[in-house]
Amino acid sequence: MSVECGYDSSKDTLEHIQKVSQLLNKMVLELMCRMQSHDASKLRSPEKEIFDAYTPKLKGSTYGSEEYKTFLSEMNVALEHHYSFNHHHPEHYEEGIAGMDLIDLVEMICDWKAATTRHANGDIDKSILINKDRFGLSDQVVRILQNTVKRYF
């Protein structure tokens, strides 16, 4: 169907495409900064010495198990410090997951996926379901995370 109105939308569409590109680039740059600084606080005290002691123990545990939760409790000093410096953890925010933004969520799901490789029985799908209860994730957020895993991992 052809509509004769004398208007050519090409200029407006190209301007829109350029604006979206600029906004996406801003997000890409933030992701690159996160990539460079991810978990850097684990390399400094008080985190380093505690992670040195507990990383081997965590590797041998099942994610979400009582043993795993006990280790986390024992690591409280390091974890509180870690969460305060790392936005990709729901614990960083008073509102938990509701305080996060999309960049935080992208880094978080990448972190969760990478963490599954540290456990012999690591499984990102199970981790998402465990964290649904742990962090009170909505069904919609869970589905978005599951879709992300299917498409990119």
N, C-alpha and C. Protein backbone atom coordinates (compact mmCIF):
# COMPACT_ATOMS: atom_id res chain seq x y z
N MET A 1 0.85 -1.17 0.00
CA MET A 1 0.00 0.00 0.00
C MET A 1 0.89 1.23 0.00
N SER A 2 0.69 2.11 -0.90
CA SER A 2 1.49 3.33 -1.02
C SER A 2 0.66 4.53 -0.58
N VAL A 3 1.25 5.33 0.27
CA VAL A 3 0.57 6.53 0.74
C VAL A 3 1.36 7.73 0.23
N GLU A 4 0.70 8.57 -0.49
CA GLU A 4 1.33 9.78 -1.01
C GLU A 4 1.08 10.92 -0.03
N CYS A 5 2.15 11.35 0.64
CA CYS A 5 1.99 12.46 1.56
C CYS A 5 3.15 13.44 1.45
N GLY A 6 4.12 13.09 0.65
CA GLY A 6 5.25 13.97 0.47
C GLY A 6 6.29 13.90 1.58
N TYR A 7 6.09 13.00 2.55
CA TYR A 7 7.02 12.87 3.67
C TYR A 7 7.91 11.66 3.46
N ASP A 8 9.21 11.84 3.67
CA ASP A 8 10.17 10.75 3.60
C ASP A 8 10.72 10.54 5.01
N SER A 9 10.45 9.40 5.60
CA SER A 9 10.83 9.12 6.98
C SER A 9 12.31 8.73 7.14
N SER A 10 13.04 8.63 6.05
CA SER A 10 14.42 8.15 6.12
C SER A 10 15.28 8.96 7.07
N LYS A 11 15.21 10.27 7.01
CA LYS A 11 16.04 11.12 7.87
C LYS A 11 15.72 10.87 9.34
N ASP A 12 14.45 10.84 9.69
CA ASP A 12 14.06 10.59 11.08
C ASP A 12 14.49 9.19 11.53
N THR A 13 14.35 8.21 10.66
CA THR A 13 14.75 6.84 10.99
C THR A 13 16.25 6.75 11.20
N LEU A 14 17.02 7.38 10.35
CA LEU A 14 18.48 7.37 10.50
C LEU A 14 18.91 8.07 11.79
N GLU A 15 18.24 9.15 12.14
CA GLU A 15 18.54 9.84 13.40
C GLU A 15 18.21 8.94 14.59
N HIS A 16 17.10 8.23 14.49
CA HIS A 16 16.72 7.29 15.55
C HIS A 16 17.77 6.18 15.68
N ILE A 17 18.18 5.61 14.58
CA ILE A 17 19.20 4.56 14.58
C ILE A 17 20.48 5.07 15.22
N GLN A 18 20.88 6.28 14.89
CA GLN A 18 22.09 6.86 15.45
C GLN A 18 21.96 7.04 16.96
N LYS A 19 20.81 7.50 17.42
CA LYS A 19 20.59 7.72 18.84
C LYS A 19 20.63 6.38 19.60
N VAL A 20 19.98 5.37 19.05
CA VAL A 20 20.01 4.04 19.68
C VAL A 20 21.45 3.52 19.72
N SER A 21 22.19 3.72 18.66
CA SER A 21 23.61 3.31 18.63
C SER A 21 24.40 4.00 19.72
N GLN A 22 24.18 5.28 19.92
CA GLN A 22 24.89 6.02 20.97
C GLN A 22 24.54 5.47 22.35
N LEU A 23 23.27 5.18 22.56
CA LEU A 23 22.84 4.66 23.86
C LEU A 23 23.38 3.24 24.10
N LEU A 24 23.34 2.41 23.07
CA LEU A 24 23.91 1.07 23.19
C LEU A 24 25.41 1.14 23.46
N ASN A 25 26.08 2.06 22.78
CA ASN A 25 27.52 2.22 22.99
C ASN A 25 27.81 2.61 24.44
N LYS A 26 26.98 3.46 25.01
CA LYS A 26 27.16 3.84 26.42
C LYS A 26 27.08 2.61 27.32
N MET A 27 26.14 1.73 27.02
CA MET A 27 25.99 0.51 27.82
C MET A 27 27.16 -0.45 27.58
N VAL A 28 27.61 -0.55 26.34
CA VAL A 28 28.76 -1.41 26.02
C VAL A 28 29.99 -0.93 26.78
N LEU A 29 30.21 0.37 26.82
CA LEU A 29 31.35 0.92 27.55
C LEU A 29 31.27 0.59 29.04
N GLU A 30 30.08 0.67 29.60
CA GLU A 30 29.92 0.30 31.02
C GLU A 30 30.20 -1.18 31.22
N LEU A 31 29.73 -2.02 30.31
CA LEU A 31 30.02 -3.46 30.42
C LEU A 31 31.52 -3.72 30.32
N MET A 32 32.21 -2.97 29.46
CA MET A 32 33.65 -3.14 29.34
C MET A 32 34.36 -2.72 30.63
N CYS A 33 33.89 -1.66 31.26
CA CYS A 33 34.46 -1.26 32.56
C CYS A 33 34.22 -2.34 33.59
N ARG A 34 33.03 -2.91 33.60
CA ARG A 34 32.72 -3.98 34.55
C ARG A 34 33.60 -5.21 34.28
N MET A 35 33.82 -5.48 33.01
CA MET A 35 34.65 -6.62 32.63
C MET A 35 36.07 -6.45 33.19
N GLN A 36 36.58 -5.25 33.12
CA GLN A 36 37.94 -4.97 33.59
C GLN A 36 38.05 -5.01 35.12
N SER A 37 36.99 -4.63 35.82
CA SER A 37 37.07 -4.50 37.28
C SER A 37 36.33 -5.59 38.04
N HIS A 38 35.74 -6.55 37.34
CA HIS A 38 34.93 -7.57 37.99
C HIS A 38 35.69 -8.26 39.12
N ASP A 39 35.12 -8.24 40.30
CA ASP A 39 35.62 -8.94 41.49
C ASP A 39 37.04 -8.55 41.90
N ALA A 40 37.51 -7.40 41.47
CA ALA A 40 38.88 -6.97 41.83
C ALA A 40 39.05 -6.86 43.34
N SER A 41 37.97 -6.61 44.06
CA SER A 41 38.08 -6.50 45.53
C SER A 41 38.51 -7.81 46.17
N LYS A 42 38.33 -8.93 45.48
CA LYS A 42 38.75 -10.23 46.03
C LYS A 42 40.27 -10.36 46.10
N LEU A 43 40.96 -9.46 45.45
CA LEU A 43 42.43 -9.51 45.44
C LEU A 43 43.06 -8.68 46.55
N ARG A 44 42.20 -8.06 47.40
CA ARG A 44 42.67 -7.20 48.49
C ARG A 44 42.06 -7.67 49.82
N SER A 45 42.73 -7.31 50.89
CA SER A 45 42.22 -7.58 52.23
C SER A 45 40.98 -6.71 52.49
N PRO A 46 40.01 -7.21 53.18
CA PRO A 46 39.94 -8.45 53.94
C PRO A 46 39.45 -9.65 53.13
N GLU A 47 39.19 -9.46 51.86
CA GLU A 47 38.63 -10.55 51.06
C GLU A 47 39.65 -11.63 50.71
N LYS A 48 40.83 -11.22 50.28
CA LYS A 48 41.79 -12.17 49.72
C LYS A 48 42.09 -13.34 50.65
N GLU A 49 42.46 -13.03 51.89
CA GLU A 49 42.85 -14.11 52.80
C GLU A 49 41.68 -15.05 53.11
N ILE A 50 40.48 -14.52 53.17
CA ILE A 50 39.31 -15.36 53.45
C ILE A 50 38.97 -16.19 52.22
N PHE A 51 39.02 -15.60 51.03
CA PHE A 51 38.78 -16.39 49.82
C PHE A 51 39.88 -17.43 49.61
N ASP A 52 41.12 -17.12 50.00
CA ASP A 52 42.19 -18.12 49.92
C ASP A 52 41.82 -19.35 50.74
N ALA A 53 41.26 -19.14 51.91
CA ALA A 53 40.90 -20.24 52.81
C ALA A 53 39.64 -20.99 52.37
N TYR A 54 38.68 -20.26 51.81
CA TYR A 54 37.37 -20.87 51.55
C TYR A 54 37.11 -21.29 50.11
N THR A 55 37.82 -20.78 49.15
CA THR A 55 37.56 -21.17 47.75
C THR A 55 37.70 -22.68 47.55
N PRO A 56 38.74 -23.32 48.09
CA PRO A 56 38.82 -24.78 47.94
C PRO A 56 37.64 -25.51 48.61
N LYS A 57 37.19 -25.00 49.74
CA LYS A 57 36.05 -25.61 50.43
C LYS A 57 34.77 -25.44 49.61
N LEU A 58 34.58 -24.25 49.05
CA LEU A 58 33.39 -23.99 48.24
C LEU A 58 33.37 -24.86 47.00
N LYS A 59 34.55 -25.08 46.40
CA LYS A 59 34.63 -25.93 45.20
C LYS A 59 34.10 -27.33 45.48
N GLY A 60 34.35 -27.82 46.69
CA GLY A 60 33.94 -29.17 47.04
C GLY A 60 32.52 -29.26 47.56
N SER A 61 31.83 -28.15 47.62
CA SER A 61 30.46 -28.16 48.14
C SER A 61 29.44 -28.06 47.02
N THR A 62 28.21 -28.35 47.36
CA THR A 62 27.11 -28.22 46.41
C THR A 62 26.46 -26.86 46.61
N TYR A 63 26.32 -26.11 45.51
CA TYR A 63 25.74 -24.77 45.59
C TYR A 63 24.36 -24.83 46.23
N GLY A 64 24.15 -24.00 47.24
CA GLY A 64 22.85 -23.91 47.90
C GLY A 64 22.66 -24.89 49.04
N SER A 65 23.62 -25.82 49.22
CA SER A 65 23.48 -26.82 50.28
C SER A 65 23.70 -26.18 51.66
N GLU A 66 23.39 -26.91 52.71
CA GLU A 66 23.61 -26.41 54.07
C GLU A 66 25.10 -26.16 54.31
N GLU A 67 25.94 -27.06 53.80
CA GLU A 67 27.39 -26.87 53.93
C GLU A 67 27.82 -25.57 53.26
N TYR A 68 27.31 -25.33 52.06
CA TYR A 68 27.62 -24.11 51.31
C TYR A 68 27.19 -22.88 52.11
N LYS A 69 25.98 -22.91 52.65
CA LYS A 69 25.47 -21.79 53.45
C LYS A 69 26.32 -21.56 54.70
N THR A 70 26.80 -22.63 55.31
CA THR A 70 27.67 -22.50 56.48
C THR A 70 28.97 -21.80 56.10
N PHE A 71 29.55 -22.20 54.98
CA PHE A 71 30.78 -21.54 54.51
C PHE A 71 30.53 -20.05 54.29
N LEU A 72 29.42 -19.71 53.65
CA LEU A 72 29.12 -18.29 53.42
C LEU A 72 29.00 -17.54 54.73
N SER A 73 28.37 -18.16 55.71
CA SER A 73 28.22 -17.52 57.02
C SER A 73 29.60 -17.27 57.66
N GLU A 74 30.47 -18.24 57.53
CA GLU A 74 31.82 -18.11 58.08
C GLU A 74 32.65 -17.06 57.33
N MET A 75 32.28 -16.78 56.10
CA MET A 75 33.00 -15.80 55.27
C MET A 75 32.40 -14.41 55.38
N ASN A 76 31.54 -14.17 56.33
CA ASN A 76 30.75 -12.95 56.40
C ASN A 76 31.55 -11.67 56.24
N VAL A 77 32.69 -11.56 56.90
CA VAL A 77 33.49 -10.33 56.83
C VAL A 77 33.90 -10.05 55.39
N ALA A 78 34.39 -11.07 54.70
CA ALA A 78 34.81 -10.90 53.30
C ALA A 78 33.61 -10.61 52.41
N LEU A 79 32.52 -11.32 52.62
CA LEU A 79 31.36 -11.15 51.75
C LEU A 79 30.71 -9.78 51.93
N GLU A 80 30.60 -9.32 53.16
CA GLU A 80 30.03 -7.98 53.38
C GLU A 80 30.87 -6.93 52.65
N HIS A 81 32.19 -7.05 52.75
CA HIS A 81 33.09 -6.13 52.05
C HIS A 81 32.89 -6.26 50.55
N HIS A 82 32.86 -7.50 50.08
CA HIS A 82 32.70 -7.76 48.64
C HIS A 82 31.40 -7.17 48.09
N TYR A 83 30.31 -7.43 48.76
CA TYR A 83 29.02 -6.92 48.30
C TYR A 83 28.99 -5.39 48.29
N SER A 84 29.68 -4.77 49.23
CA SER A 84 29.65 -3.31 49.28
C SER A 84 30.38 -2.67 48.10
N PHE A 85 31.29 -3.39 47.47
CA PHE A 85 32.07 -2.85 46.36
C PHE A 85 31.63 -3.36 44.99
N ASN A 86 30.69 -4.30 44.94
CA ASN A 86 30.33 -4.97 43.68
C ASN A 86 28.83 -4.92 43.43
N HIS A 87 28.45 -4.11 42.47
CA HIS A 87 27.05 -3.85 42.14
C HIS A 87 26.31 -5.05 41.56
N HIS A 88 27.03 -6.05 41.09
CA HIS A 88 26.37 -7.19 40.44
C HIS A 88 25.82 -8.21 41.44
N HIS A 89 25.90 -7.88 42.71
CA HIS A 89 25.32 -8.74 43.74
C HIS A 89 24.07 -8.09 44.30
N PRO A 90 22.96 -8.82 44.36
CA PRO A 90 21.74 -8.26 44.95
C PRO A 90 21.97 -7.72 46.36
N GLU A 91 22.90 -8.34 47.09
CA GLU A 91 23.19 -7.91 48.46
C GLU A 91 23.79 -6.50 48.52
N HIS A 92 24.24 -5.99 47.40
CA HIS A 92 24.80 -4.63 47.35
C HIS A 92 23.72 -3.59 47.63
N TYR A 93 22.49 -3.91 47.30
CA TYR A 93 21.38 -2.96 47.37
C TYR A 93 20.44 -3.27 48.54
N GLU A 94 19.97 -2.22 49.19
CA GLU A 94 18.99 -2.40 50.25
C GLU A 94 17.75 -3.12 49.73
N GLU A 95 17.36 -2.82 48.50
CA GLU A 95 16.18 -3.43 47.89
C GLU A 95 16.48 -4.76 47.21
N GLY A 96 17.72 -5.23 47.31
CA GLY A 96 18.08 -6.47 46.64
C GLY A 96 18.00 -6.33 45.14
N ILE A 97 17.47 -7.32 44.50
CA ILE A 97 17.41 -7.37 43.04
C ILE A 97 16.64 -6.17 42.47
N ALA A 98 15.67 -5.66 43.22
CA ALA A 98 14.87 -4.53 42.76
C ALA A 98 15.69 -3.24 42.65
N GLY A 99 16.84 -3.19 43.31
CA GLY A 99 17.71 -2.02 43.22
C GLY A 99 18.67 -2.07 42.05
N MET A 100 18.73 -3.20 41.37
CA MET A 100 19.69 -3.40 40.29
C MET A 100 19.21 -2.78 38.99
N ASP A 101 20.16 -2.59 38.07
CA ASP A 101 19.82 -2.16 36.71
C ASP A 101 20.21 -3.27 35.74
N LEU A 102 19.96 -3.06 34.45
CA LEU A 102 20.23 -4.10 33.46
C LEU A 102 21.71 -4.48 33.38
N ILE A 103 22.59 -3.51 33.53
CA ILE A 103 24.02 -3.80 33.49
C ILE A 103 24.39 -4.70 34.67
N ASP A 104 23.84 -4.41 35.84
CA ASP A 104 24.07 -5.27 37.01
C ASP A 104 23.60 -6.69 36.72
N LEU A 105 22.42 -6.82 36.12
CA LEU A 105 21.87 -8.15 35.83
C LEU A 105 22.72 -8.91 34.83
N VAL A 106 23.23 -8.22 33.82
CA VAL A 106 24.09 -8.88 32.83
C VAL A 106 25.35 -9.40 33.52
N GLU A 107 25.98 -8.55 34.32
CA GLU A 107 27.18 -8.99 35.02
C GLU A 107 26.85 -10.12 36.00
N MET A 108 25.71 -10.03 36.66
CA MET A 108 25.30 -11.05 37.63
C MET A 108 25.13 -12.41 36.96
N ILE A 109 24.42 -12.47 35.83
CA ILE A 109 24.19 -13.78 35.21
C ILE A 109 25.49 -14.35 34.66
N CYS A 110 26.38 -13.50 34.18
CA CYS A 110 27.70 -13.97 33.74
C CYS A 110 28.50 -14.51 34.93
N ASP A 111 28.40 -13.83 36.07
CA ASP A 111 29.07 -14.26 37.29
C ASP A 111 28.51 -15.61 37.74
N TRP A 112 27.20 -15.74 37.74
CA TRP A 112 26.58 -17.00 38.15
C TRP A 112 27.02 -18.14 37.24
N LYS A 113 27.02 -17.90 35.94
CA LYS A 113 27.42 -18.94 34.99
C LYS A 113 28.87 -19.33 35.22
N ALA A 114 29.75 -18.34 35.36
CA ALA A 114 31.17 -18.64 35.60
C ALA A 114 31.34 -19.41 36.91
N ALA A 115 30.57 -19.07 37.92
CA ALA A 115 30.68 -19.74 39.22
C ALA A 115 30.29 -21.22 39.12
N THR A 116 29.40 -21.56 38.21
CA THR A 116 29.00 -22.97 38.08
C THR A 116 30.16 -23.84 37.63
N THR A 117 31.15 -23.23 36.96
CA THR A 117 32.29 -24.02 36.50
C THR A 117 33.25 -24.35 37.63
N ARG A 118 33.06 -23.73 38.79
CA ARG A 118 33.92 -24.00 39.96
C ARG A 118 33.46 -25.22 40.74
N HIS A 119 32.26 -25.68 40.48
CA HIS A 119 31.70 -26.81 41.22
C HIS A 119 31.56 -28.00 40.28
N ALA A 120 31.91 -29.19 40.77
CA ALA A 120 31.81 -30.40 39.95
C ALA A 120 30.38 -30.61 39.45
N ASN A 121 29.40 -30.22 40.27
CA ASN A 121 28.00 -30.42 39.88
C ASN A 121 27.32 -29.08 39.53
N GLY A 122 28.12 -28.09 39.11
CA GLY A 122 27.57 -26.78 38.78
C GLY A 122 26.56 -26.84 37.65
N ASP A 123 25.47 -26.12 37.81
CA ASP A 123 24.38 -26.12 36.82
C ASP A 123 23.70 -24.77 36.88
N ILE A 124 23.84 -23.96 35.83
CA ILE A 124 23.30 -22.61 35.83
C ILE A 124 21.78 -22.62 35.97
N ASP A 125 21.11 -23.59 35.38
CA ASP A 125 19.65 -23.64 35.50
C ASP A 125 19.22 -23.87 36.95
N LYS A 126 19.90 -24.77 37.64
CA LYS A 126 19.60 -25.01 39.05
C LYS A 126 19.96 -23.77 39.88
N SER A 127 21.08 -23.13 39.55
CA SER A 127 21.49 -21.93 40.27
C SER A 127 20.43 -20.84 40.18
N ILE A 128 19.88 -20.66 39.00
CA ILE A 128 18.83 -19.64 38.82
C ILE A 128 17.64 -19.96 39.73
N LEU A 129 17.24 -21.22 39.77
CA LEU A 129 16.09 -21.59 40.61
C LEU A 129 16.40 -21.45 42.10
N ILE A 130 17.61 -21.80 42.51
CA ILE A 130 18.00 -21.61 43.91
C ILE A 130 17.98 -20.12 44.24
N ASN A 131 18.51 -19.32 43.33
CA ASN A 131 18.57 -17.87 43.56
C ASN A 131 17.22 -17.19 43.44
N LYS A 132 16.29 -17.85 42.76
CA LYS A 132 14.92 -17.32 42.73
C LYS A 132 14.40 -17.21 44.16
N ASP A 133 14.57 -18.27 44.92
CA ASP A 133 14.12 -18.27 46.32
C ASP A 133 15.04 -17.40 47.19
N ARG A 134 16.33 -17.52 46.98
CA ARG A 134 17.30 -16.79 47.80
C ARG A 134 17.10 -15.28 47.73
N PHE A 135 16.83 -14.78 46.51
CA PHE A 135 16.74 -13.33 46.31
C PHE A 135 15.32 -12.84 46.00
N GLY A 136 14.34 -13.75 46.02
CA GLY A 136 12.96 -13.35 45.76
C GLY A 136 12.75 -12.86 44.33
N LEU A 137 13.37 -13.56 43.37
CA LEU A 137 13.23 -13.17 41.97
C LEU A 137 11.82 -13.46 41.48
N SER A 138 11.28 -12.55 40.70
CA SER A 138 9.96 -12.78 40.11
C SER A 138 10.08 -13.82 39.00
N ASP A 139 8.96 -14.43 38.65
CA ASP A 139 8.94 -15.39 37.54
C ASP A 139 9.44 -14.74 36.25
N GLN A 140 9.10 -13.47 36.07
CA GLN A 140 9.51 -12.77 34.85
C GLN A 140 11.03 -12.60 34.79
N VAL A 141 11.65 -12.21 35.90
CA VAL A 141 13.11 -12.07 35.93
C VAL A 141 13.77 -13.43 35.73
N VAL A 142 13.23 -14.46 36.36
CA VAL A 142 13.76 -15.82 36.18
C VAL A 142 13.72 -16.21 34.71
N ARG A 143 12.61 -15.95 34.06
CA ARG A 143 12.47 -16.30 32.64
C ARG A 143 13.48 -15.53 31.78
N ILE A 144 13.68 -14.26 32.08
CA ILE A 144 14.66 -13.45 31.33
C ILE A 144 16.06 -14.04 31.52
N LEU A 145 16.41 -14.41 32.74
CA LEU A 145 17.72 -15.02 32.99
C LEU A 145 17.86 -16.35 32.26
N GLN A 146 16.81 -17.17 32.29
CA GLN A 146 16.83 -18.45 31.59
C GLN A 146 16.97 -18.24 30.08
N ASN A 147 16.26 -17.27 29.54
CA ASN A 147 16.36 -16.97 28.11
C ASN A 147 17.77 -16.53 27.75
N THR A 148 18.37 -15.73 28.61
CA THR A 148 19.74 -15.25 28.38
C THR A 148 20.71 -16.41 28.35
N VAL A 149 20.56 -17.35 29.28
CA VAL A 149 21.42 -18.53 29.33
C VAL A 149 21.28 -19.34 28.04
N LYS A 150 20.06 -19.56 27.60
CA LYS A 150 19.82 -20.34 26.37
C LYS A 150 20.44 -19.68 25.15
N ARG A 151 20.34 -18.37 25.07
CA ARG A 151 20.81 -17.67 23.87
C ARG A 151 22.30 -17.41 23.84
N TYR A 152 22.91 -17.23 24.99
CA TYR A 152 24.30 -16.78 24.99
C TYR A 152 25.30 -17.74 25.63
N PHE A 153 24.84 -18.69 26.43
CA PHE A 153 25.78 -19.60 27.08
C PHE A 153 25.59 -21.01 26.55
